[in-house]
């Protein structure tokens, strides 16, 4: 399988495809934080598409929007907000 190269890690192409319900909910939750440009990023969620997985079988994905969507004035890369993922028992997952 061809692998795209990123400055951070190798990415596995997966699409583009629509986000799953869970992916969309996680993205919307992450963008609920208050930081510069968050409002513009929130407006990009509806046309957002999954374009690569961080590793085969992993739930972390890269997303993209079409060039017709207004760009957010934030640096490309990770959002300047933080959150944790925990299982139902409260165990830290990432």
PDB file of N, CA and C in Angstrom:
ATOM      1  N   UNK A   1       0.843  -1.174   0.000  1.00  0.00           N
ATOM      2  CA  UNK A   1       0.000   0.000   0.000  1.00  0.00           C
ATOM      3  C   UNK A   1       0.888   1.237   0.000  1.00  0.00           C
ATOM      4  N   UNK A   2       0.620   2.213  -0.867  1.00  0.00           N
ATOM      5  CA  UNK A   2       1.436   3.423  -0.886  1.00  0.00           C
ATOM      6  C   UNK A   2       1.271   4.218   0.404  1.00  0.00           C
ATOM      7  N   UNK A   3       2.338   4.808   0.845  1.00  0.00           N
ATOM      8  CA  UNK A   3       2.326   5.590   2.073  1.00  0.00           C
ATOM      9  C   UNK A   3       2.750   7.017   1.758  1.00  0.00           C
ATOM     10  N   UNK A   4       1.957   7.989   2.194  1.00  0.00           N
ATOM     11  CA  UNK A   4       2.327   9.396   2.057  1.00  0.00           C
ATOM     12  C   UNK A   4       3.329   9.745   3.143  1.00  0.00           C
ATOM     13  N   UNK A   5       4.235  10.625   2.860  1.00  0.00           N
ATOM     14  CA  UNK A   5       5.223  11.044   3.860  1.00  0.00           C
ATOM     15  C   UNK A   5       4.823  12.375   4.457  1.00  0.00           C
ATOM     16  N   UNK A   6       4.920  12.486   5.746  1.00  0.00           N
ATOM     17  CA  UNK A   6       4.636  13.710   6.475  1.00  0.00           C
ATOM     18  C   UNK A   6       5.864  14.039   7.292  1.00  0.00           C
ATOM     19  N   UNK A   7       5.990  15.297   7.676  1.00  0.00           N
ATOM     20  CA  UNK A   7       7.128  15.658   8.519  1.00  0.00           C
ATOM     21  C   UNK A   7       7.008  15.011   9.893  1.00  0.00           C
ATOM     22  N   UNK A   8       5.800  14.574  10.265  1.00  0.00           N
ATOM     23  CA  UNK A   8       5.588  13.990  11.584  1.00  0.00           C
ATOM     24  C   UNK A   8       5.603  12.470  11.564  1.00  0.00           C
ATOM     25  N   UNK A   9       5.007  11.865  10.543  1.00  0.00           N
ATOM     26  CA  UNK A   9       4.903  10.418  10.496  1.00  0.00           C
ATOM     27  C   UNK A   9       4.447   9.990   9.120  1.00  0.00           C
ATOM     28  N   UNK A  10       4.513   8.681   8.856  1.00  0.00           N
ATOM     29  CA  UNK A  10       4.001   8.143   7.602  1.00  0.00           C
ATOM     30  C   UNK A  10       2.487   8.058   7.698  1.00  0.00           C
ATOM     31  N   UNK A  11       1.798   8.449   6.650  1.00  0.00           N
ATOM     32  CA  UNK A  11       0.347   8.409   6.632  1.00  0.00           C
ATOM     33  C   UNK A  11      -0.127   7.361   5.633  1.00  0.00           C
ATOM     34  N   UNK A  12      -1.233   6.712   5.931  1.00  0.00           N
ATOM     35  CA  UNK A  12      -1.813   5.715   5.053  1.00  0.00           C
ATOM     36  C   UNK A  12      -3.030   6.338   4.371  1.00  0.00           C
ATOM     37  N   UNK A  13      -3.019   6.496   3.033  1.00  0.00           N
ATOM     38  CA  UNK A  13      -4.164   7.086   2.354  1.00  0.00           C
ATOM     39  C   UNK A  13      -5.431   6.262   2.606  1.00  0.00           C
ATOM     40  N   UNK A  14      -6.558   6.948   2.868  1.00  0.00           N
ATOM     41  CA  UNK A  14      -7.810   6.234   3.131  1.00  0.00           C
ATOM     42  C   UNK A  14      -8.986   6.830   2.373  1.00  0.00           C
ATOM     43  N   UNK A  15      -8.782   7.751   1.506  1.00  0.00           N
ATOM     44  CA  UNK A  15      -9.960   8.374   0.914  1.00  0.00           C
ATOM     45  C   UNK A  15      -9.591   9.241  -0.250  1.00  0.00           C
ATOM     46  N   UNK A  16     -10.239  10.346  -0.373  1.00  0.00           N
ATOM     47  CA  UNK A  16     -11.075  10.987   0.636  1.00  0.00           C
ATOM     48  C   UNK A  16     -12.409  10.266   0.821  1.00  0.00           C
ATOM     49  N   UNK A  17     -12.897  10.352   2.049  1.00  0.00           N
ATOM     50  CA  UNK A  17     -14.191   9.771   2.398  1.00  0.00           C
ATOM     51  C   UNK A  17     -14.852  10.643   3.442  1.00  0.00           C
ATOM     52  N   UNK A  18     -16.179  10.472   3.578  1.00  0.00           N
ATOM     53  CA  UNK A  18     -16.903  11.188   4.628  1.00  0.00           C
ATOM     54  C   UNK A  18     -16.404  10.748   5.990  1.00  0.00           C
ATOM     55  N   UNK A  19     -16.475  11.644   6.961  1.00  0.00           N
ATOM     56  CA  UNK A  19     -16.132  11.280   8.331  1.00  0.00           C
ATOM     57  C   UNK A  19     -17.211  10.352   8.886  1.00  0.00           C
ATOM     58  N   UNK A  20     -16.793   9.425   9.745  1.00  0.00           N
ATOM     59  CA  UNK A  20     -17.779   8.623  10.448  1.00  0.00           C
ATOM     60  C   UNK A  20     -18.450   9.514  11.489  1.00  0.00           C
ATOM     61  N   UNK A  21     -19.545   9.041  12.028  1.00  0.00           N
ATOM     62  CA  UNK A  21     -20.233   9.819  13.066  1.00  0.00           C
ATOM     63  C   UNK A  21     -19.297  10.071  14.242  1.00  0.00           C
ATOM     64  N   UNK A  22     -18.567   9.041  14.671  1.00  0.00           N
ATOM     65  CA  UNK A  22     -17.654   9.178  15.808  1.00  0.00           C
ATOM     66  C   UNK A  22     -16.540  10.181  15.494  1.00  0.00           C
ATOM     67  N   UNK A  23     -15.968  10.116  14.285  1.00  0.00           N
ATOM     68  CA  UNK A  23     -14.908  11.059  13.905  1.00  0.00           C
ATOM     69  C   UNK A  23     -15.430  12.488  13.929  1.00  0.00           C
ATOM     70  N   UNK A  24     -16.627  12.692  13.388  1.00  0.00           N
ATOM     71  CA  UNK A  24     -17.220  14.033  13.355  1.00  0.00           C
ATOM     72  C   UNK A  24     -17.458  14.539  14.783  1.00  0.00           C
ATOM     73  N   UNK A  25     -17.962  13.667  15.665  1.00  0.00           N
ATOM     74  CA  UNK A  25     -18.225  14.082  17.047  1.00  0.00           C
ATOM     75  C   UNK A  25     -16.944  14.447  17.776  1.00  0.00           C
ATOM     76  N   UNK A  26     -15.874  13.698  17.556  1.00  0.00           N
ATOM     77  CA  UNK A  26     -14.587  14.009  18.190  1.00  0.00           C
ATOM     78  C   UNK A  26     -14.061  15.339  17.666  1.00  0.00           C
ATOM     79  N   UNK A  27     -14.146  15.546  16.363  1.00  0.00           N
ATOM     80  CA  UNK A  27     -13.681  16.806  15.772  1.00  0.00           C
ATOM     81  C   UNK A  27     -14.487  17.985  16.305  1.00  0.00           C
ATOM     82  N   UNK A  28     -15.798  17.846  16.366  1.00  0.00           N
ATOM     83  CA  UNK A  28     -16.638  18.926  16.890  1.00  0.00           C
ATOM     84  C   UNK A  28     -16.326  19.204  18.356  1.00  0.00           C
ATOM     85  N   UNK A  29     -16.057  18.150  19.132  1.00  0.00           N
ATOM     86  CA  UNK A  29     -15.697  18.350  20.536  1.00  0.00           C
ATOM     87  C   UNK A  29     -14.365  19.100  20.643  1.00  0.00           C
ATOM     88  N   UNK A  30     -13.376  18.681  19.865  1.00  0.00           N
ATOM     89  CA  UNK A  30     -12.065  19.347  19.907  1.00  0.00           C
ATOM     90  C   UNK A  30     -12.183  20.807  19.505  1.00  0.00           C
ATOM     91  N   UNK A  31     -13.060  21.107  18.559  1.00  0.00           N
ATOM     92  CA  UNK A  31     -13.225  22.485  18.095  1.00  0.00           C
ATOM     93  C   UNK A  31     -14.150  23.305  18.982  1.00  0.00           C
ATOM     94  N   UNK A  32     -14.700  22.691  20.028  1.00  0.00           N
ATOM     95  CA  UNK A  32     -15.528  23.453  20.960  1.00  0.00           C
ATOM     96  C   UNK A  32     -14.668  24.306  21.891  1.00  0.00           C
ATOM     97  N   UNK A  33     -13.367  24.066  21.899  1.00  0.00           N
ATOM     98  CA  UNK A  33     -12.442  24.887  22.689  1.00  0.00           C
ATOM     99  C   UNK A  33     -12.383  26.293  22.095  1.00  0.00           C
ATOM    100  N   UNK A  34     -12.054  27.256  22.926  1.00  0.00           N
ATOM    101  CA  UNK A  34     -11.976  28.641  22.480  1.00  0.00           C
ATOM    102  C   UNK A  34     -10.525  28.995  22.175  1.00  0.00           C
ATOM    103  N   UNK A  35     -10.223  29.170  20.885  1.00  0.00           N
ATOM    104  CA  UNK A  35      -8.898  29.620  20.458  1.00  0.00           C
ATOM    105  C   UNK A  35      -9.066  30.395  19.161  1.00  0.00           C
ATOM    106  N   UNK A  36      -8.068  31.219  18.813  1.00  0.00           N
ATOM    107  CA  UNK A  36      -8.139  32.030  17.601  1.00  0.00           C
ATOM    108  C   UNK A  36      -8.353  31.139  16.383  1.00  0.00           C
ATOM    109  N   UNK A  37      -9.393  31.444  15.595  1.00  0.00           N
ATOM    110  CA  UNK A  37      -9.674  30.695  14.378  1.00  0.00           C
ATOM    111  C   UNK A  37     -10.622  29.523  14.557  1.00  0.00           C
ATOM    112  N   UNK A  38     -11.001  29.218  15.798  1.00  0.00           N
ATOM    113  CA  UNK A  38     -11.871  28.061  16.045  1.00  0.00           C
ATOM    114  C   UNK A  38     -13.206  28.204  15.338  1.00  0.00           C
ATOM    115  N   UNK A  39     -13.747  29.418  15.294  1.00  0.00           N
ATOM    116  CA  UNK A  39     -15.045  29.613  14.640  1.00  0.00           C
ATOM    117  C   UNK A  39     -14.982  29.269  13.157  1.00  0.00           C
ATOM    118  N   UNK A  40     -13.881  29.633  12.493  1.00  0.00           N
ATOM    119  CA  UNK A  40     -13.723  29.324  11.072  1.00  0.00           C
ATOM    120  C   UNK A  40     -13.516  27.820  10.885  1.00  0.00           C
ATOM    121  N   UNK A  41     -12.746  27.196  11.768  1.00  0.00           N
ATOM    122  CA  UNK A  41     -12.555  25.746  11.685  1.00  0.00           C
ATOM    123  C   UNK A  41     -13.873  25.009  11.900  1.00  0.00           C
ATOM    124  N   UNK A  42     -14.706  25.499  12.831  1.00  0.00           N
ATOM    125  CA  UNK A  42     -16.014  24.865  13.058  1.00  0.00           C
ATOM    126  C   UNK A  42     -16.851  24.900  11.781  1.00  0.00           C
ATOM    127  N   UNK A  43     -16.778  25.991  11.039  1.00  0.00           N
ATOM    128  CA  UNK A  43     -17.535  26.120   9.794  1.00  0.00           C
ATOM    129  C   UNK A  43     -17.016  25.168   8.714  1.00  0.00           C
ATOM    130  N   UNK A  44     -15.788  24.675   8.867  1.00  0.00           N
ATOM    131  CA  UNK A  44     -15.208  23.747   7.892  1.00  0.00           C
ATOM    132  C   UNK A  44     -15.607  22.298   8.143  1.00  0.00           C
ATOM    133  N   UNK A  45     -16.211  21.994   9.272  1.00  0.00           N
ATOM    134  CA  UNK A  45     -16.535  20.601   9.611  1.00  0.00           C
ATOM    135  C   UNK A  45     -17.518  19.973   8.625  1.00  0.00           C
ATOM    136  N   UNK A  46     -18.624  20.611   8.249  1.00  0.00           N
ATOM    137  CA  UNK A  46     -19.571  19.930   7.363  1.00  0.00           C
ATOM    138  C   UNK A  46     -18.963  19.393   6.057  1.00  0.00           C
ATOM    139  N   UNK A  47     -18.111  20.161   5.342  1.00  0.00           N
ATOM    140  CA  UNK A  47     -17.540  19.604   4.106  1.00  0.00           C
ATOM    141  C   UNK A  47     -16.240  18.820   4.325  1.00  0.00           C
ATOM    142  N   UNK A  48     -15.838  18.629   5.566  1.00  0.00           N
ATOM    143  CA  UNK A  48     -14.569  17.973   5.894  1.00  0.00           C
ATOM    144  C   UNK A  48     -14.566  16.511   5.446  1.00  0.00           C
ATOM    145  N   UNK A  49     -13.414  16.042   4.968  1.00  0.00           N
ATOM    146  CA  UNK A  49     -13.262  14.658   4.507  1.00  0.00           C
ATOM    147  C   UNK A  49     -12.015  14.048   5.141  1.00  0.00           C
ATOM    148  N   UNK A  50     -12.079  12.759   5.431  1.00  0.00           N
ATOM    149  CA  UNK A  50     -10.907  12.026   5.919  1.00  0.00           C
ATOM    150  C   UNK A  50     -10.040  11.693   4.711  1.00  0.00           C
ATOM    151  N   UNK A  51      -8.725  11.955   4.811  1.00  0.00           N
ATOM    152  CA  UNK A  51      -7.834  11.719   3.676  1.00  0.00           C
ATOM    153  C   UNK A  51      -6.692  10.753   3.978  1.00  0.00           C
ATOM    154  N   UNK A  52      -6.390  10.524   5.252  1.00  0.00           N
ATOM    155  CA  UNK A  52      -5.303   9.614   5.597  1.00  0.00           C
ATOM    156  C   UNK A  52      -5.441   9.170   7.050  1.00  0.00           C
ATOM    157  N   UNK A  53      -4.974   7.961   7.313  1.00  0.00           N
ATOM    158  CA  UNK A  53      -4.888   7.459   8.686  1.00  0.00           C
ATOM    159  C   UNK A  53      -3.440   7.605   9.132  1.00  0.00           C
ATOM    160  N   UNK A  54      -3.245   7.803  10.413  1.00  0.00           N
ATOM    161  CA  UNK A  54      -1.874   7.957  10.922  1.00  0.00           C
ATOM    162  C   UNK A  54      -1.119   6.640  10.862  1.00  0.00           C
ATOM    163  N   UNK A  55      -1.846   5.533  10.933  1.00  0.00           N
ATOM    164  CA  UNK A  55      -1.270   4.189  10.787  1.00  0.00           C
ATOM    165  C   UNK A  55      -2.413   3.250  10.445  1.00  0.00           C
ATOM    166  N   UNK A  56      -2.127   2.190   9.738  1.00  0.00           N
ATOM    167  CA  UNK A  56      -3.166   1.239   9.339  1.00  0.00           C
ATOM    168  C   UNK A  56      -3.927   0.730  10.557  1.00  0.00           C
ATOM    169  N   UNK A  57      -5.233   0.817  10.506  1.00  0.00           N
ATOM    170  CA  UNK A  57      -6.065   0.315  11.588  1.00  0.00           C
ATOM    171  C   UNK A  57      -6.206   1.242  12.783  1.00  0.00           C
ATOM    172  N   UNK A  58      -5.555   2.394  12.762  1.00  0.00           N
ATOM    173  CA  UNK A  58      -5.627   3.327  13.879  1.00  0.00           C
ATOM    174  C   UNK A  58      -6.751   4.335  13.651  1.00  0.00           C
ATOM    175  N   UNK A  59      -7.369   4.826  14.734  1.00  0.00           N
ATOM    176  CA  UNK A  59      -8.483   5.755  14.570  1.00  0.00           C
ATOM    177  C   UNK A  59      -8.073   7.203  14.288  1.00  0.00           C
ATOM    178  N   UNK A  60      -6.821   7.567  14.466  1.00  0.00           N
ATOM    179  CA  UNK A  60      -6.383   8.945  14.223  1.00  0.00           C
ATOM    180  C   UNK A  60      -6.283   9.181  12.718  1.00  0.00           C
ATOM    181  N   UNK A  61      -6.869  10.305  12.268  1.00  0.00           N
ATOM    182  CA  UNK A  61      -6.915  10.599  10.842  1.00  0.00           C
ATOM    183  C   UNK A  61      -6.471  12.019  10.546  1.00  0.00           C
ATOM    184  N   UNK A  62      -6.094  12.253   9.297  1.00  0.00           N
ATOM    185  CA  UNK A  62      -5.884  13.596   8.779  1.00  0.00           C
ATOM    186  C   UNK A  62      -7.137  13.959   8.004  1.00  0.00           C
ATOM    187  N   UNK A  63      -7.521  15.229   8.072  1.00  0.00           N
ATOM    188  CA  UNK A  63      -8.720  15.693   7.386  1.00  0.00           C
ATOM    189  C   UNK A  63      -8.363  16.824   6.436  1.00  0.00           C
ATOM    190  N   UNK A  64      -9.231  17.035   5.447  1.00  0.00           N
ATOM    191  CA  UNK A  64      -9.036  18.116   4.483  1.00  0.00           C
ATOM    192  C   UNK A  64     -10.392  18.672   4.086  1.00  0.00           C
ATOM    193  N   UNK A  65     -10.399  19.913   3.641  1.00  0.00           N
ATOM    194  CA  UNK A  65     -11.600  20.546   3.099  1.00  0.00           C
ATOM    195  C   UNK A  65     -11.258  21.071   1.708  1.00  0.00           C
ATOM    196  N   UNK A  66     -12.273  21.279   0.891  1.00  0.00           N
ATOM    197  CA  UNK A  66     -12.043  21.754  -0.472  1.00  0.00           C
ATOM    198  C   UNK A  66     -11.484  23.172  -0.466  1.00  0.00           C
ATOM    199  N   UNK A  67     -10.869  23.548  -1.563  1.00  0.00           N
ATOM    200  CA  UNK A  67     -10.296  24.882  -1.688  1.00  0.00           C
ATOM    201  C   UNK A  67     -11.336  25.982  -1.720  1.00  0.00           C
ATOM    202  N   UNK A  68     -12.627  25.624  -1.882  1.00  0.00           N
ATOM    203  CA  UNK A  68     -13.671  26.640  -1.928  1.00  0.00           C
ATOM    204  C   UNK A  68     -14.122  27.081  -0.539  1.00  0.00           C
ATOM    205  N   UNK A  69     -13.612  26.426   0.503  1.00  0.00           N
ATOM    206  CA  UNK A  69     -13.964  26.767   1.879  1.00  0.00           C
ATOM    207  C   UNK A  69     -13.000  27.834   2.383  1.00  0.00           C
ATOM    208  N   UNK A  70     -13.535  28.822   3.098  1.00  0.00           N
ATOM    209  CA  UNK A  70     -12.690  29.898   3.633  1.00  0.00           C
ATOM    210  C   UNK A  70     -11.618  29.322   4.550  1.00  0.00           C
ATOM    211  N   UNK A  71     -10.354  29.670   4.325  1.00  0.00           N
ATOM    212  CA  UNK A  71      -9.285  29.147   5.178  1.00  0.00           C
ATOM    213  C   UNK A  71      -9.300  29.796   6.566  1.00  0.00           C
ATOM    214  N   UNK A  72      -8.938  29.020   7.558  1.00  0.00           N
ATOM    215  CA  UNK A  72      -8.793  29.550   8.916  1.00  0.00           C
ATOM    216  C   UNK A  72      -7.399  30.150   9.029  1.00  0.00           C
ATOM    217  N   UNK A  73      -7.283  31.229   9.743  1.00  0.00           N
ATOM    218  CA  UNK A  73      -5.984  31.879   9.920  1.00  0.00           C
ATOM    219  C   UNK A  73      -5.278  31.290  11.144  1.00  0.00           C
ATOM    220  N   UNK A  74      -5.040  29.985  11.060  1.00  0.00           N
ATOM    221  CA  UNK A  74      -4.304  29.269  12.104  1.00  0.00           C
ATOM    222  C   UNK A  74      -3.229  28.443  11.411  1.00  0.00           C
ATOM    223  N   UNK A  75      -2.114  28.189  12.079  1.00  0.00           N
ATOM    224  CA  UNK A  75      -1.061  27.389  11.456  1.00  0.00           C
ATOM    225  C   UNK A  75      -1.562  25.972  11.149  1.00  0.00           C
ATOM    226  N   UNK A  76      -1.078  25.399  10.047  1.00  0.00           N
ATOM    227  CA  UNK A  76      -1.396  24.022   9.708  1.00  0.00           C
ATOM    228  C   UNK A  76      -0.798  23.119  10.779  1.00  0.00           C
ATOM    229  N   UNK A  77      -1.504  22.074  11.138  1.00  0.00           N
ATOM    230  CA  UNK A  77      -0.994  21.131  12.135  1.00  0.00           C
ATOM    231  C   UNK A  77      -1.987  20.925  13.252  1.00  0.00           C
ATOM    232  N   UNK A  78      -1.474  20.642  14.435  1.00  0.00           N
ATOM    233  CA  UNK A  78      -2.321  20.364  15.582  1.00  0.00           C
ATOM    234  C   UNK A  78      -3.052  21.612  16.053  1.00  0.00           C
ATOM    235  N   UNK A  79      -4.271  21.410  16.552  1.00  0.00           N
ATOM    236  CA  UNK A  79      -5.047  22.531  17.095  1.00  0.00           C
ATOM    237  C   UNK A  79      -4.460  22.953  18.435  1.00  0.00           C
ATOM    238  N   UNK A  80      -4.500  24.245  18.735  1.00  0.00           N
ATOM    239  CA  UNK A  80      -3.969  24.716  20.016  1.00  0.00           C
ATOM    240  C   UNK A  80      -4.964  24.490  21.158  1.00  0.00           C
ATOM    241  N   UNK A  81      -5.393  23.264  21.317  1.00  0.00           N
ATOM    242  CA  UNK A  81      -6.273  22.889  22.425  1.00  0.00           C
ATOM    243  C   UNK A  81      -5.891  21.473  22.826  1.00  0.00           C
ATOM    244  N   UNK A  82      -6.280  21.077  23.989  1.00  0.00           N
ATOM    245  CA  UNK A  82      -5.915  19.748  24.441  1.00  0.00           C
ATOM    246  C   UNK A  82      -7.108  18.999  24.990  1.00  0.00           C
ATOM    247  N   UNK A  83      -7.046  17.700  24.894  1.00  0.00           N
ATOM    248  CA  UNK A  83      -8.071  16.856  25.483  1.00  0.00           C
ATOM    249  C   UNK A  83      -7.485  15.463  25.667  1.00  0.00           C
ATOM    250  N   UNK A  84      -8.155  14.681  26.451  1.00  0.00           N
ATOM    251  CA  UNK A  84      -7.711  13.311  26.709  1.00  0.00           C
ATOM    252  C   UNK A  84      -8.793  12.341  26.282  1.00  0.00           C
ATOM    253  N   UNK A  85      -8.381  11.161  25.865  1.00  0.00           N
ATOM    254  CA  UNK A  85      -9.307  10.085  25.524  1.00  0.00           C
ATOM    255  C   UNK A  85      -9.203   9.037  26.630  1.00  0.00           C
ATOM    256  N   UNK A  86     -10.360   8.681  27.190  1.00  0.00           N
ATOM    257  CA  UNK A  86     -10.414   7.671  28.249  1.00  0.00           C
ATOM    258  C   UNK A  86     -11.469   6.639  27.904  1.00  0.00           C
ATOM    259  N   UNK A  87     -11.272   5.414  28.362  1.00  0.00           N
ATOM    260  CA  UNK A  87     -12.276   4.385  28.123  1.00  0.00           C
ATOM    261  C   UNK A  87     -13.422   4.556  29.132  1.00  0.00           C
ATOM    262  N   UNK A  88     -14.409   3.666  29.074  1.00  0.00           N
ATOM    263  CA  UNK A  88     -15.576   3.791  29.942  1.00  0.00           C
ATOM    264  C   UNK A  88     -15.250   3.662  31.421  1.00  0.00           C
ATOM    265  N   UNK A  89     -14.129   3.015  31.721  1.00  0.00           N
ATOM    266  CA  UNK A  89     -13.697   2.879  33.117  1.00  0.00           C
ATOM    267  C   UNK A  89     -12.857   4.069  33.582  1.00  0.00           C
ATOM    268  N   UNK A  90     -12.614   5.027  32.667  1.00  0.00           N
ATOM    269  CA  UNK A  90     -11.823   6.195  33.025  1.00  0.00           C
ATOM    270  C   UNK A  90     -10.340   6.017  32.813  1.00  0.00           C
ATOM    271  N   UNK A  91      -9.926   4.896  32.230  1.00  0.00           N
ATOM    272  CA  UNK A  91      -8.508   4.619  31.969  1.00  0.00           C
ATOM    273  C   UNK A  91      -8.023   5.492  30.811  1.00  0.00           C
ATOM    274  N   UNK A  92      -6.911   6.170  30.999  1.00  0.00           N
ATOM    275  CA  UNK A  92      -6.339   7.044  29.973  1.00  0.00           C
ATOM    276  C   UNK A  92      -5.902   6.229  28.753  1.00  0.00           C
ATOM    277  N   UNK A  93      -6.336   6.638  27.561  1.00  0.00           N
ATOM    278  CA  UNK A  93      -5.967   5.961  26.325  1.00  0.00           C
ATOM    279  C   UNK A  93      -5.048   6.816  25.448  1.00  0.00           C
ATOM    280  N   UNK A  94      -5.144   8.127  25.574  1.00  0.00           N
ATOM    281  CA  UNK A  94      -4.286   8.970  24.746  1.00  0.00           C
ATOM    282  C   UNK A  94      -4.740  10.403  24.741  1.00  0.00           C
TER     283      UNK A  94
END
